[in-house]
Amino acid sequence: MSRSTVFLLISASVAAAIGQLLLRLGARDRISLFDFVNPYIISGLVFYAAGMVAWIYALSKEQMVTVYAFTALTFVIVYLGGVFILGEHINMTKSMGIALVMAGLYVITSN
């Protein structure tokens, strides 16, 4: 896989993760349907859509099994964002899970 494709996939993961974090910020403590129309939700959808467009482009260049493996990176970034941006709690078990996800991504994408 070329460096440009790896960069594209990392960028797609980051965009999707930012989108997820913004969606969480926009959804937090909302009750009525109209409360969900706010700048966080709209920005989150834009970031998520940008990540999706990058994924689709990467799918046109590489094998699906390799591209799809990078979705695991999104889980890692969202977890870290939850801890460092949203103040959610971290524990050893979840941290070990993140390490295993990263190891799995490495194994799947290495030649």
PDB file of N, CA and C in Angstrom:
ATOM      1  N   MET A   1       0.844  -1.170   0.000  1.00  0.00           N
ATOM      2  CA  MET A   1       0.000   0.000   0.000  1.00  0.00           C
ATOM      3  C   MET A   1       0.892   1.237   0.000  1.00  0.00           C
ATOM      4  N   SER A   2       0.547   2.209  -0.813  1.00  0.00           N
ATOM      5  CA  SER A   2       1.379   3.406  -0.918  1.00  0.00           C
ATOM      6  C   SER A   2       1.221   4.294   0.315  1.00  0.00           C
ATOM      7  N   ARG A   3       2.225   5.138   0.518  1.00  0.00           N
ATOM      8  CA  ARG A   3       2.169   6.070   1.653  1.00  0.00           C
ATOM      9  C   ARG A   3       0.996   7.032   1.528  1.00  0.00           C
ATOM     10  N   SER A   4       0.693   7.436   0.306  1.00  0.00           N
ATOM     11  CA  SER A   4      -0.421   8.371   0.122  1.00  0.00           C
ATOM     12  C   SER A   4      -1.752   7.717   0.497  1.00  0.00           C
ATOM     13  N   THR A   5      -1.896   6.428   0.218  1.00  0.00           N
ATOM     14  CA  THR A   5      -3.130   5.729   0.593  1.00  0.00           C
ATOM     15  C   THR A   5      -3.212   5.561   2.102  1.00  0.00           C
ATOM     16  N   VAL A   6      -2.086   5.248   2.732  1.00  0.00           N
ATOM     17  CA  VAL A   6      -2.067   5.133   4.193  1.00  0.00           C
ATOM     18  C   VAL A   6      -2.435   6.481   4.815  1.00  0.00           C
ATOM     19  N   PHE A   7      -1.856   7.565   4.294  1.00  0.00           N
ATOM     20  CA  PHE A   7      -2.181   8.899   4.795  1.00  0.00           C
ATOM     21  C   PHE A   7      -3.661   9.195   4.601  1.00  0.00           C
ATOM     22  N   LEU A   8      -4.206   8.837   3.432  1.00  0.00           N
ATOM     23  CA  LEU A   8      -5.618   9.042   3.151  1.00  0.00           C
ATOM     24  C   LEU A   8      -6.488   8.282   4.151  1.00  0.00           C
ATOM     25  N   LEU A   9      -6.131   7.034   4.421  1.00  0.00           N
ATOM     26  CA  LEU A   9      -6.915   6.218   5.352  1.00  0.00           C
ATOM     27  C   LEU A   9      -6.818   6.720   6.785  1.00  0.00           C
ATOM     28  N   ILE A  10      -5.644   7.173   7.184  1.00  0.00           N
ATOM     29  CA  ILE A  10      -5.504   7.762   8.522  1.00  0.00           C
ATOM     30  C   ILE A  10      -6.338   9.038   8.610  1.00  0.00           C
ATOM     31  N   SER A  11      -6.290   9.844   7.553  1.00  0.00           N
ATOM     32  CA  SER A  11      -7.093  11.075   7.526  1.00  0.00           C
ATOM     33  C   SER A  11      -8.587  10.755   7.593  1.00  0.00           C
ATOM     34  N   ALA A  12      -9.003   9.720   6.883  1.00  0.00           N
ATOM     35  CA  ALA A  12     -10.409   9.304   6.911  1.00  0.00           C
ATOM     36  C   ALA A  12     -10.809   8.859   8.313  1.00  0.00           C
ATOM     37  N   SER A  13      -9.931   8.122   8.976  1.00  0.00           N
ATOM     38  CA  SER A  13     -10.210   7.677  10.347  1.00  0.00           C
ATOM     39  C   SER A  13     -10.315   8.856  11.298  1.00  0.00           C
ATOM     40  N   VAL A  14      -9.405   9.799  11.158  1.00  0.00           N
ATOM     41  CA  VAL A  14      -9.422  10.991  12.014  1.00  0.00           C
ATOM     42  C   VAL A  14     -10.703  11.792  11.763  1.00  0.00           C
ATOM     43  N   ALA A  15     -11.075  11.981  10.496  1.00  0.00           N
ATOM     44  CA  ALA A  15     -12.293  12.729  10.175  1.00  0.00           C
ATOM     45  C   ALA A  15     -13.530  12.040  10.748  1.00  0.00           C
ATOM     46  N   ALA A  16     -13.607  10.724  10.593  1.00  0.00           N
ATOM     47  CA  ALA A  16     -14.751   9.976  11.131  1.00  0.00           C
ATOM     48  C   ALA A  16     -14.781  10.061  12.653  1.00  0.00           C
ATOM     49  N   ALA A  17     -13.623   9.985  13.288  1.00  0.00           N
ATOM     50  CA  ALA A  17     -13.561  10.061  14.753  1.00  0.00           C
ATOM     51  C   ALA A  17     -13.966  11.445  15.241  1.00  0.00           C
ATOM     52  N   ILE A  18     -13.484  12.487  14.580  1.00  0.00           N
ATOM     53  CA  ILE A  18     -13.882  13.851  14.949  1.00  0.00           C
ATOM     54  C   ILE A  18     -15.393  13.995  14.787  1.00  0.00           C
ATOM     55  N   GLY A  19     -15.910  13.436  13.700  1.00  0.00           N
ATOM     56  CA  GLY A  19     -17.357  13.469  13.488  1.00  0.00           C
ATOM     57  C   GLY A  19     -18.110  12.803  14.623  1.00  0.00           C
ATOM     58  N   GLN A  20     -17.654  11.644  15.050  1.00  0.00           N
ATOM     59  CA  GLN A  20     -18.306  10.929  16.152  1.00  0.00           C
ATOM     60  C   GLN A  20     -18.250  11.731  17.453  1.00  0.00           C
ATOM     61  N   LEU A  21     -17.097  12.321  17.735  1.00  0.00           N
ATOM     62  CA  LEU A  21     -16.957  13.117  18.959  1.00  0.00           C
ATOM     63  C   LEU A  21     -17.866  14.343  18.922  1.00  0.00           C
ATOM     64  N   LEU A  22     -17.948  14.990  17.762  1.00  0.00           N
ATOM     65  CA  LEU A  22     -18.839  16.141  17.637  1.00  0.00           C
ATOM     66  C   LEU A  22     -20.308  15.732  17.758  1.00  0.00           C
ATOM     67  N   LEU A  23     -20.660  14.572  17.196  1.00  0.00           N
ATOM     68  CA  LEU A  23     -22.030  14.079  17.354  1.00  0.00           C
ATOM     69  C   LEU A  23     -22.351  13.838  18.822  1.00  0.00           C
ATOM     70  N   ARG A  24     -21.395  13.306  19.563  1.00  0.00           N
ATOM     71  CA  ARG A  24     -21.609  13.084  21.005  1.00  0.00           C
ATOM     72  C   ARG A  24     -21.794  14.410  21.731  1.00  0.00           C
ATOM     73  N   LEU A  25     -20.952  15.387  21.410  1.00  0.00           N
ATOM     74  CA  LEU A  25     -21.084  16.700  22.044  1.00  0.00           C
ATOM     75  C   LEU A  25     -22.436  17.339  21.702  1.00  0.00           C
ATOM     76  N   GLY A  26     -22.874  17.163  20.475  1.00  0.00           N
ATOM     77  CA  GLY A  26     -24.154  17.727  20.063  1.00  0.00           C
ATOM     78  C   GLY A  26     -25.355  17.007  20.628  1.00  0.00           C
ATOM     79  N   ALA A  27     -25.200  15.742  20.960  1.00  0.00           N
ATOM     80  CA  ALA A  27     -26.312  14.947  21.477  1.00  0.00           C
ATOM     81  C   ALA A  27     -26.401  14.973  23.002  1.00  0.00           C
ATOM     82  N   ARG A  28     -25.337  15.367  23.646  1.00  0.00           N
ATOM     83  CA  ARG A  28     -25.280  15.336  25.113  1.00  0.00           C
ATOM     84  C   ARG A  28     -26.389  16.194  25.716  1.00  0.00           C
ATOM     85  N   ASP A  29     -27.171  15.576  26.586  1.00  0.00           N
ATOM     86  CA  ASP A  29     -28.236  16.241  27.359  1.00  0.00           C
ATOM     87  C   ASP A  29     -29.337  16.859  26.498  1.00  0.00           C
ATOM     88  N   ARG A  30     -29.515  16.373  25.299  1.00  0.00           N
ATOM     89  CA  ARG A  30     -30.595  16.870  24.434  1.00  0.00           C
ATOM     90  C   ARG A  30     -31.839  16.024  24.664  1.00  0.00           C
ATOM     91  N   ILE A  31     -33.001  16.630  24.542  1.00  0.00           N
ATOM     92  CA  ILE A  31     -34.247  15.905  24.775  1.00  0.00           C
ATOM     93  C   ILE A  31     -35.152  15.962  23.551  1.00  0.00           C
ATOM     94  N   SER A  32     -35.475  17.157  23.099  1.00  0.00           N
ATOM     95  CA  SER A  32     -36.412  17.263  21.981  1.00  0.00           C
ATOM     96  C   SER A  32     -35.686  17.070  20.651  1.00  0.00           C
ATOM     97  N   LEU A  33     -36.438  16.701  19.657  1.00  0.00           N
ATOM     98  CA  LEU A  33     -35.881  16.437  18.327  1.00  0.00           C
ATOM     99  C   LEU A  33     -35.170  17.674  17.774  1.00  0.00           C
ATOM    100  N   PHE A  34     -35.727  18.821  17.998  1.00  0.00           N
ATOM    101  CA  PHE A  34     -35.134  20.057  17.476  1.00  0.00           C
ATOM    102  C   PHE A  34     -33.832  20.426  18.182  1.00  0.00           C
ATOM    103  N   ASP A  35     -33.632  19.921  19.390  1.00  0.00           N
ATOM    104  CA  ASP A  35     -32.370  20.162  20.109  1.00  0.00           C
ATOM    105  C   ASP A  35     -31.183  19.512  19.399  1.00  0.00           C
ATOM    106  N   PHE A  36     -31.470  18.504  18.579  1.00  0.00           N
ATOM    107  CA  PHE A  36     -30.393  17.789  17.890  1.00  0.00           C
ATOM    108  C   PHE A  36     -29.911  18.517  16.636  1.00  0.00           C
ATOM    109  N   VAL A  37     -30.584  19.571  16.271  1.00  0.00           N
ATOM    110  CA  VAL A  37     -30.119  20.407  15.166  1.00  0.00           C
ATOM    111  C   VAL A  37     -29.312  21.539  15.789  1.00  0.00           C
ATOM    112  N   ASN A  38     -28.006  21.328  15.840  1.00  0.00           N
ATOM    113  CA  ASN A  38     -27.118  22.306  16.456  1.00  0.00           C
ATOM    114  C   ASN A  38     -25.763  22.255  15.745  1.00  0.00           C
ATOM    115  N   PRO A  39     -24.919  23.243  15.987  1.00  0.00           N
ATOM    116  CA  PRO A  39     -23.631  23.290  15.269  1.00  0.00           C
ATOM    117  C   PRO A  39     -22.757  22.047  15.461  1.00  0.00           C
ATOM    118  N   TYR A  40     -22.785  21.438  16.642  1.00  0.00           N
ATOM    119  CA  TYR A  40     -21.979  20.234  16.864  1.00  0.00           C
ATOM    120  C   TYR A  40     -22.446  19.092  15.961  1.00  0.00           C
ATOM    121  N   ILE A  41     -23.755  18.885  15.903  1.00  0.00           N
ATOM    122  CA  ILE A  41     -24.304  17.802  15.082  1.00  0.00           C
ATOM    123  C   ILE A  41     -24.000  18.058  13.603  1.00  0.00           C
ATOM    124  N   ILE A  42     -24.232  19.274  13.153  1.00  0.00           N
ATOM    125  CA  ILE A  42     -23.991  19.600  11.746  1.00  0.00           C
ATOM    126  C   ILE A  42     -22.506  19.431  11.407  1.00  0.00           C
ATOM    127  N   SER A  43     -21.628  19.934  12.261  1.00  0.00           N
ATOM    128  CA  SER A  43     -20.187  19.780  12.027  1.00  0.00           C
ATOM    129  C   SER A  43     -19.783  18.313  12.060  1.00  0.00           C
ATOM    130  N   GLY A  44     -20.355  17.561  12.990  1.00  0.00           N
ATOM    131  CA  GLY A  44     -20.063  16.132  13.078  1.00  0.00           C
ATOM    132  C   GLY A  44     -20.442  15.391  11.813  1.00  0.00           C
ATOM    133  N   LEU A  45     -21.592  15.730  11.259  1.00  0.00           N
ATOM    134  CA  LEU A  45     -22.027  15.091  10.013  1.00  0.00           C
ATOM    135  C   LEU A  45     -21.103  15.454   8.855  1.00  0.00           C
ATOM    136  N   VAL A  46     -20.636  16.704   8.824  1.00  0.00           N
ATOM    137  CA  VAL A  46     -19.719  17.125   7.761  1.00  0.00           C
ATOM    138  C   VAL A  46     -18.404  16.343   7.858  1.00  0.00           C
ATOM    139  N   PHE A  47     -17.835  16.240   9.066  1.00  0.00           N
ATOM    140  CA  PHE A  47     -16.588  15.495   9.233  1.00  0.00           C
ATOM    141  C   PHE A  47     -16.786  14.022   8.891  1.00  0.00           C
ATOM    142  N   TYR A  48     -17.896  13.456   9.348  1.00  0.00           N
ATOM    143  CA  TYR A  48     -18.167  12.046   9.079  1.00  0.00           C
ATOM    144  C   TYR A  48     -18.307  11.813   7.576  1.00  0.00           C
ATOM    145  N   ALA A  49     -18.992  12.716   6.883  1.00  0.00           N
ATOM    146  CA  ALA A  49     -19.148  12.598   5.434  1.00  0.00           C
ATOM    147  C   ALA A  49     -17.805  12.723   4.725  1.00  0.00           C
ATOM    148  N   ALA A  50     -16.951  13.621   5.181  1.00  0.00           N
ATOM    149  CA  ALA A  50     -15.621  13.771   4.574  1.00  0.00           C
ATOM    150  C   ALA A  50     -14.823  12.479   4.738  1.00  0.00           C
ATOM    151  N   GLY A  51     -14.913  11.866   5.906  1.00  0.00           N
ATOM    152  CA  GLY A  51     -14.243  10.584   6.116  1.00  0.00           C
ATOM    153  C   GLY A  51     -14.782   9.512   5.193  1.00  0.00           C
ATOM    154  N   MET A  52     -16.091   9.512   4.992  1.00  0.00           N
ATOM    155  CA  MET A  52     -16.714   8.517   4.118  1.00  0.00           C
ATOM    156  C   MET A  52     -16.249   8.685   2.673  1.00  0.00           C
ATOM    157  N   VAL A  53     -16.169   9.914   2.208  1.00  0.00           N
ATOM    158  CA  VAL A  53     -15.703  10.165   0.840  1.00  0.00           C
ATOM    159  C   VAL A  53     -14.262   9.666   0.685  1.00  0.00           C
ATOM    160  N   ALA A  54     -13.424   9.910   1.683  1.00  0.00           N
ATOM    161  CA  ALA A  54     -12.039   9.435   1.635  1.00  0.00           C
ATOM    162  C   ALA A  54     -11.991   7.909   1.614  1.00  0.00           C
ATOM    163  N   TRP A  55     -12.863   7.235   2.387  1.00  0.00           N
ATOM    164  CA  TRP A  55     -12.917   5.769   2.388  1.00  0.00           C
ATOM    165  C   TRP A  55     -13.274   5.253   1.007  1.00  0.00           C
ATOM    166  N   ILE A  56     -14.289   5.879   0.406  1.00  0.00           N
ATOM    167  CA  ILE A  56     -14.733   5.425  -0.906  1.00  0.00           C
ATOM    168  C   ILE A  56     -13.609   5.580  -1.931  1.00  0.00           C
ATOM    169  N   TYR A  57     -12.905   6.689  -1.873  1.00  0.00           N
ATOM    170  CA  TYR A  57     -11.788   6.882  -2.790  1.00  0.00           C
ATOM    171  C   TYR A  57     -10.708   5.826  -2.548  1.00  0.00           C
ATOM    172  N   ALA A  58     -10.391   5.560  -1.276  1.00  0.00           N
ATOM    173  CA  ALA A  58      -9.386   4.537  -0.958  1.00  0.00           C
ATOM    174  C   ALA A  58      -9.828   3.163  -1.462  1.00  0.00           C
ATOM    175  N   LEU A  59     -11.128   2.881  -1.388  1.00  0.00           N
ATOM    176  CA  LEU A  59     -11.639   1.606  -1.891  1.00  0.00           C
ATOM    177  C   LEU A  59     -11.427   1.464  -3.396  1.00  0.00           C
ATOM    178  N   SER A  60     -11.366   2.593  -4.091  1.00  0.00           N
ATOM    179  CA  SER A  60     -11.130   2.518  -5.528  1.00  0.00           C
ATOM    180  C   SER A  60      -9.673   2.194  -5.845  1.00  0.00           C
ATOM    181  N   LYS A  61      -8.789   2.326  -4.869  1.00  0.00           N
ATOM    182  CA  LYS A  61      -7.356   2.149  -5.087  1.00  0.00           C
ATOM    183  C   LYS A  61      -6.782   0.860  -4.487  1.00  0.00           C
ATOM    184  N   GLU A  62      -7.397   0.363  -3.430  1.00  0.00           N
ATOM    185  CA  GLU A  62      -6.832  -0.773  -2.684  1.00  0.00           C
ATOM    186  C   GLU A  62      -7.877  -1.858  -2.471  1.00  0.00           C
ATOM    187  N   GLN A  63      -7.409  -2.994  -1.974  1.00  0.00           N
ATOM    188  CA  GLN A  63      -8.306  -4.101  -1.656  1.00  0.00           C
ATOM    189  C   GLN A  63      -9.176  -3.733  -0.457  1.00  0.00           C
ATOM    190  N   MET A  64     -10.404  -4.198  -0.485  1.00  0.00           N
ATOM    191  CA  MET A  64     -11.350  -3.877   0.578  1.00  0.00           C
ATOM    192  C   MET A  64     -10.879  -4.376   1.942  1.00  0.00           C
ATOM    193  N   VAL A  65     -10.293  -5.564   2.000  1.00  0.00           N
ATOM    194  CA  VAL A  65      -9.879  -6.115   3.296  1.00  0.00           C
ATOM    195  C   VAL A  65      -8.817  -5.241   3.956  1.00  0.00           C
ATOM    196  N   THR A  66      -7.979  -4.619   3.155  1.00  0.00           N
ATOM    197  CA  THR A  66      -6.945  -3.747   3.707  1.00  0.00           C
ATOM    198  C   THR A  66      -7.540  -2.411   4.125  1.00  0.00           C
ATOM    199  N   VAL A  67      -8.367  -1.826   3.267  1.00  0.00           N
ATOM    200  CA  VAL A  67      -8.982  -0.529   3.576  1.00  0.00           C
ATOM    201  C   VAL A  67      -9.887  -0.667   4.797  1.00  0.00           C
ATOM    202  N   TYR A  68     -10.690  -1.704   4.828  1.00  0.00           N
ATOM    203  CA  TYR A  68     -11.649  -1.869   5.920  1.00  0.00           C
ATOM    204  C   TYR A  68     -10.948  -2.032   7.263  1.00  0.00           C
ATOM    205  N   ALA A  69      -9.762  -2.599   7.275  1.00  0.00           N
ATOM    206  CA  ALA A  69      -9.033  -2.772   8.532  1.00  0.00           C
ATOM    207  C   ALA A  69      -8.779  -1.437   9.227  1.00  0.00           C
ATOM    208  N   PHE A  70      -8.686  -0.375   8.450  1.00  0.00           N
ATOM    209  CA  PHE A  70      -8.431   0.938   9.034  1.00  0.00           C
ATOM    210  C   PHE A  70      -9.623   1.489   9.803  1.00  0.00           C
ATOM    211  N   THR A  71     -10.799   0.886   9.661  1.00  0.00           N
ATOM    212  CA  THR A  71     -11.919   1.338  10.491  1.00  0.00           C
ATOM    213  C   THR A  71     -11.609   1.104  11.961  1.00  0.00           C
ATOM    214  N   ALA A  72     -10.761   0.128  12.246  1.00  0.00           N
ATOM    215  CA  ALA A  72     -10.360  -0.126  13.631  1.00  0.00           C
ATOM    216  C   ALA A  72      -9.631   1.073  14.227  1.00  0.00           C
ATOM    217  N   LEU A  73      -8.898   1.792  13.397  1.00  0.00           N
ATOM    218  CA  LEU A  73      -8.199   2.974  13.872  1.00  0.00           C
ATOM    219  C   LEU A  73      -9.182   4.030  14.367  1.00  0.00           C
ATOM    220  N   THR A  74     -10.344   4.105  13.736  1.00  0.00           N
ATOM    221  CA  THR A  74     -11.365   5.052  14.176  1.00  0.00           C
ATOM    222  C   THR A  74     -11.791   4.747  15.609  1.00  0.00           C
ATOM    223  N   PHE A  75     -11.935   3.470  15.943  1.00  0.00           N
ATOM    224  CA  PHE A  75     -12.295   3.090  17.319  1.00  0.00           C
ATOM    225  C   PHE A  75     -11.260   3.607  18.312  1.00  0.00           C
ATOM    226  N   VAL A  76     -10.013   3.476  17.964  1.00  0.00           N
ATOM    227  CA  VAL A  76      -8.926   3.910  18.845  1.00  0.00           C
ATOM    228  C   VAL A  76      -8.974   5.426  19.035  1.00  0.00           C
ATOM    229  N   ILE A  77      -9.129   6.162  17.950  1.00  0.00           N
ATOM    230  CA  ILE A  77      -9.149   7.627  18.035  1.00  0.00           C
ATOM    231  C   ILE A  77     -10.362   8.106  18.821  1.00  0.00           C
ATOM    232  N   VAL A  78     -11.525   7.490  18.597  1.00  0.00           N
ATOM    233  CA  VAL A  78     -12.728   7.864  19.349  1.00  0.00           C
ATOM    234  C   VAL A  78     -12.525   7.575  20.831  1.00  0.00           C
ATOM    235  N   TYR A  79     -11.940   6.446  21.156  1.00  0.00           N
ATOM    236  CA  TYR A  79     -11.673   6.107  22.562  1.00  0.00           C
ATOM    237  C   TYR A  79     -10.780   7.162  23.202  1.00  0.00           C
ATOM    238  N   LEU A  80      -9.693   7.500  22.532  1.00  0.00           N
ATOM    239  CA  LEU A  80      -8.774   8.502  23.073  1.00  0.00           C
ATOM    240  C   LEU A  80      -9.457   9.865  23.181  1.00  0.00           C
ATOM    241  N   GLY A  81     -10.263  10.223  22.188  1.00  0.00           N
ATOM    242  CA  GLY A  81     -11.015  11.475  22.259  1.00  0.00           C
ATOM    243  C   GLY A  81     -12.012  11.476  23.400  1.00  0.00           C
ATOM    244  N   GLY A  82     -12.649  10.340  23.629  1.00  0.00           N
ATOM    245  CA  GLY A  82     -13.578  10.227  24.752  1.00  0.00           C
ATOM    246  C   GLY A  82     -12.888  10.464  26.087  1.00  0.00           C
ATOM    247  N   VAL A  83     -11.687   9.944  26.195  1.00  0.00           N
ATOM    248  CA  VAL A  83     -10.932  10.099  27.441  1.00  0.00           C
ATOM    249  C   VAL A  83     -10.410  11.527  27.587  1.00  0.00           C
ATOM    250  N   PHE A  84      -9.730  12.036  26.550  1.00  0.00           N
ATOM    251  CA  PHE A  84      -9.032  13.314  26.683  1.00  0.00           C
ATOM    252  C   PHE A  84      -9.894  14.538  26.392  1.00  0.00           C
ATOM    253  N   ILE A  85     -10.931  14.402  25.578  1.00  0.00           N
ATOM    254  CA  ILE A  85     -11.772  15.553  25.246  1.00  0.00           C
ATOM    255  C   ILE A  85     -13.058  15.546  26.063  1.00  0.00           C
ATOM    256  N   LEU A  86     -13.690  14.382  26.168  1.00  0.00           N
ATOM    257  CA  LEU A  86     -14.968  14.298  26.869  1.00  0.00           C
ATOM    258  C   LEU A  86     -14.827  13.960  28.350  1.00  0.00           C
ATOM    259  N   GLY A  87     -13.613  13.631  28.788  1.00  0.00           N
ATOM    260  CA  GLY A  87     -13.388  13.341  30.200  1.00  0.00           C
ATOM    261  C   GLY A  87     -13.944  12.004  30.651  1.00  0.00           C
ATOM    262  N   GLU A  88     -14.102  11.072  29.721  1.00  0.00           N
ATOM    263  CA  GLU A  88     -14.605   9.745  30.099  1.00  0.00           C
ATOM    264  C   GLU A  88     -13.490   8.947  30.761  1.00  0.00           C
ATOM    265  N   HIS A  89     -13.882   7.931  31.479  1.00  0.00           N
ATOM    266  CA  HIS A  89     -12.918   7.191  32.301  1.00  0.00           C
ATOM    267  C   HIS A  89     -12.153   6.143  31.498  1.00  0.00           C
ATOM    268  N   ILE A  90     -10.909   5.975  31.861  1.00  0.00           N
ATOM    269  CA  ILE A  90     -10.017   4.997  31.250  1.00  0.00           C
ATOM    270  C   ILE A  90      -9.757   3.896  32.281  1.00  0.00           C
ATOM    271  N   ASN A  91      -9.595   2.673  31.816  1.00  0.00           N
ATOM    272  CA  ASN A  91      -9.176   1.611  32.723  1.00  0.00           C
ATOM    273  C   ASN A  91      -8.237   0.659  31.974  1.00  0.00           C
ATOM    274  N   MET A  92      -7.622  -0.221  32.710  1.00  0.00           N
ATOM    275  CA  MET A  92      -6.605  -1.097  32.146  1.00  0.00           C
ATOM    276  C   MET A  92      -7.186  -2.050  31.100  1.00  0.00           C
ATOM    277  N   THR A  93      -8.363  -2.581  31.341  1.00  0.00           N
ATOM    278  CA  THR A  93      -8.969  -3.526  30.410  1.00  0.00           C
ATOM    279  C   THR A  93      -9.240  -2.862  29.061  1.00  0.00           C
ATOM    280  N   LYS A  94      -9.822  -1.675  29.082  1.00  0.00           N
ATOM    281  CA  LYS A  94     -10.099  -0.965  27.828  1.00  0.00           C
ATOM    282  C   LYS A  94      -8.797  -0.578  27.131  1.00  0.00           C
ATOM    283  N   SER A  95      -7.813  -0.172  27.897  1.00  0.00           N
ATOM    284  CA  SER A  95      -6.522   0.190  27.309  1.00  0.00           C
ATOM    285  C   SER A  95      -5.864  -1.017  26.648  1.00  0.00           C
ATOM    286  N   MET A  96      -5.982  -2.179  27.268  1.00  0.00           N
ATOM    287  CA  MET A  96      -5.439  -3.400  26.659  1.00  0.00           C
ATOM    288  C   MET A  96      -6.192  -3.722  25.364  1.00  0.00           C
ATOM    289  N   GLY A  97      -7.495  -3.493  25.348  1.00  0.00           N
ATOM    290  CA  GLY A  97      -8.282  -3.714  24.143  1.00  0.00           C
ATOM    291  C   GLY A  97      -7.828  -2.815  23.007  1.00  0.00           C
ATOM    292  N   ILE A  98      -7.546  -1.562  23.320  1.00  0.00           N
ATOM    293  CA  ILE A  98      -7.056  -0.624  22.316  1.00  0.00           C
ATOM    294  C   ILE A  98      -5.703  -1.095  21.777  1.00  0.00           C
ATOM    295  N   ALA A  99      -4.835  -1.553  22.657  1.00  0.00           N
ATOM    296  CA  ALA A  99      -3.524  -2.057  22.222  1.00  0.00           C
ATOM    297  C   ALA A  99      -3.694  -3.266  21.297  1.00  0.00           C
ATOM    298  N   LEU A 100      -4.639  -4.145  21.616  1.00  0.00           N
ATOM    299  CA  LEU A 100      -4.893  -5.307  20.760  1.00  0.00           C
ATOM    300  C   LEU A 100      -5.449  -4.891  19.399  1.00  0.00           C
ATOM    301  N   VAL A 101      -6.313  -3.884  19.379  1.00  0.00           N
ATOM    302  CA  VAL A 101      -6.837  -3.383  18.105  1.00  0.00           C
ATOM    303  C   VAL A 101      -5.708  -2.855  17.250  1.00  0.00           C
ATOM    304  N   MET A 102      -4.806  -2.080  17.843  1.00  0.00           N
ATOM    305  CA  MET A 102      -3.669  -1.538  17.094  1.00  0.00           C
ATOM    306  C   MET A 102      -2.757  -2.659  16.589  1.00  0.00           C
ATOM    307  N   ALA A 103      -2.533  -3.667  17.430  1.00  0.00           N
ATOM    308  CA  ALA A 103      -1.707  -4.797  16.995  1.00  0.00           C
ATOM    309  C   ALA A 103      -2.392  -5.539  15.840  1.00  0.00           C
ATOM    310  N   GLY A 104      -3.698  -5.713  15.913  1.00  0.00           N
ATOM    311  CA  GLY A 104      -4.430  -6.364  14.839  1.00  0.00           C
ATOM    312  C   GLY A 104      -4.360  -5.578  13.549  1.00  0.00           C
ATOM    313  N   LEU A 105      -4.479  -4.257  13.631  1.00  0.00           N
ATOM    314  CA  LEU A 105      -4.374  -3.419  12.445  1.00  0.00           C
ATOM    315  C   LEU A 105      -2.998  -3.564  11.816  1.00  0.00           C
ATOM    316  N   TYR A 106      -1.967  -3.608  12.643  1.00  0.00           N
ATOM    317  CA  TYR A 106      -0.615  -3.777  12.142  1.00  0.00           C
ATOM    318  C   TYR A 106      -0.460  -5.130  11.419  1.00  0.00           C
ATOM    319  N   VAL A 107      -0.970  -6.185  12.039  1.00  0.00           N
ATOM    320  CA  VAL A 107      -0.840  -7.515  11.452  1.00  0.00           C
ATOM    321  C   VAL A 107      -1.584  -7.599  10.112  1.00  0.00           C
ATOM    322  N   ILE A 108      -2.796  -7.039  10.068  1.00  0.00           N
ATOM    323  CA  ILE A 108      -3.591  -7.131   8.849  1.00  0.00           C
ATOM    324  C   ILE A 108      -2.980  -6.326   7.707  1.00  0.00           C
ATOM    325  N   THR A 109      -2.416  -5.174   8.010  1.00  0.00           N
ATOM    326  CA  THR A 109      -1.926  -4.302   6.944  1.00  0.00           C
ATOM    327  C   THR A 109      -0.463  -4.499   6.578  1.00  0.00           C
ATOM    328  N   SER A 110       0.265  -5.239   7.376  1.00  0.00           N
ATOM    329  CA  SER A 110       1.677  -5.472   7.023  1.00  0.00           C
ATOM    330  C   SER A 110       1.766  -6.581   5.981  1.00  0.00           C
ATOM    331  N   ASN A 111       2.726  -6.460   5.121  1.00  0.00           N
ATOM    332  CA  ASN A 111       2.866  -7.449   4.039  1.00  0.00           C
ATOM    333  C   ASN A 111       3.706  -8.556   4.502  1.00  0.00           C
TER     334      ASN A 111
END
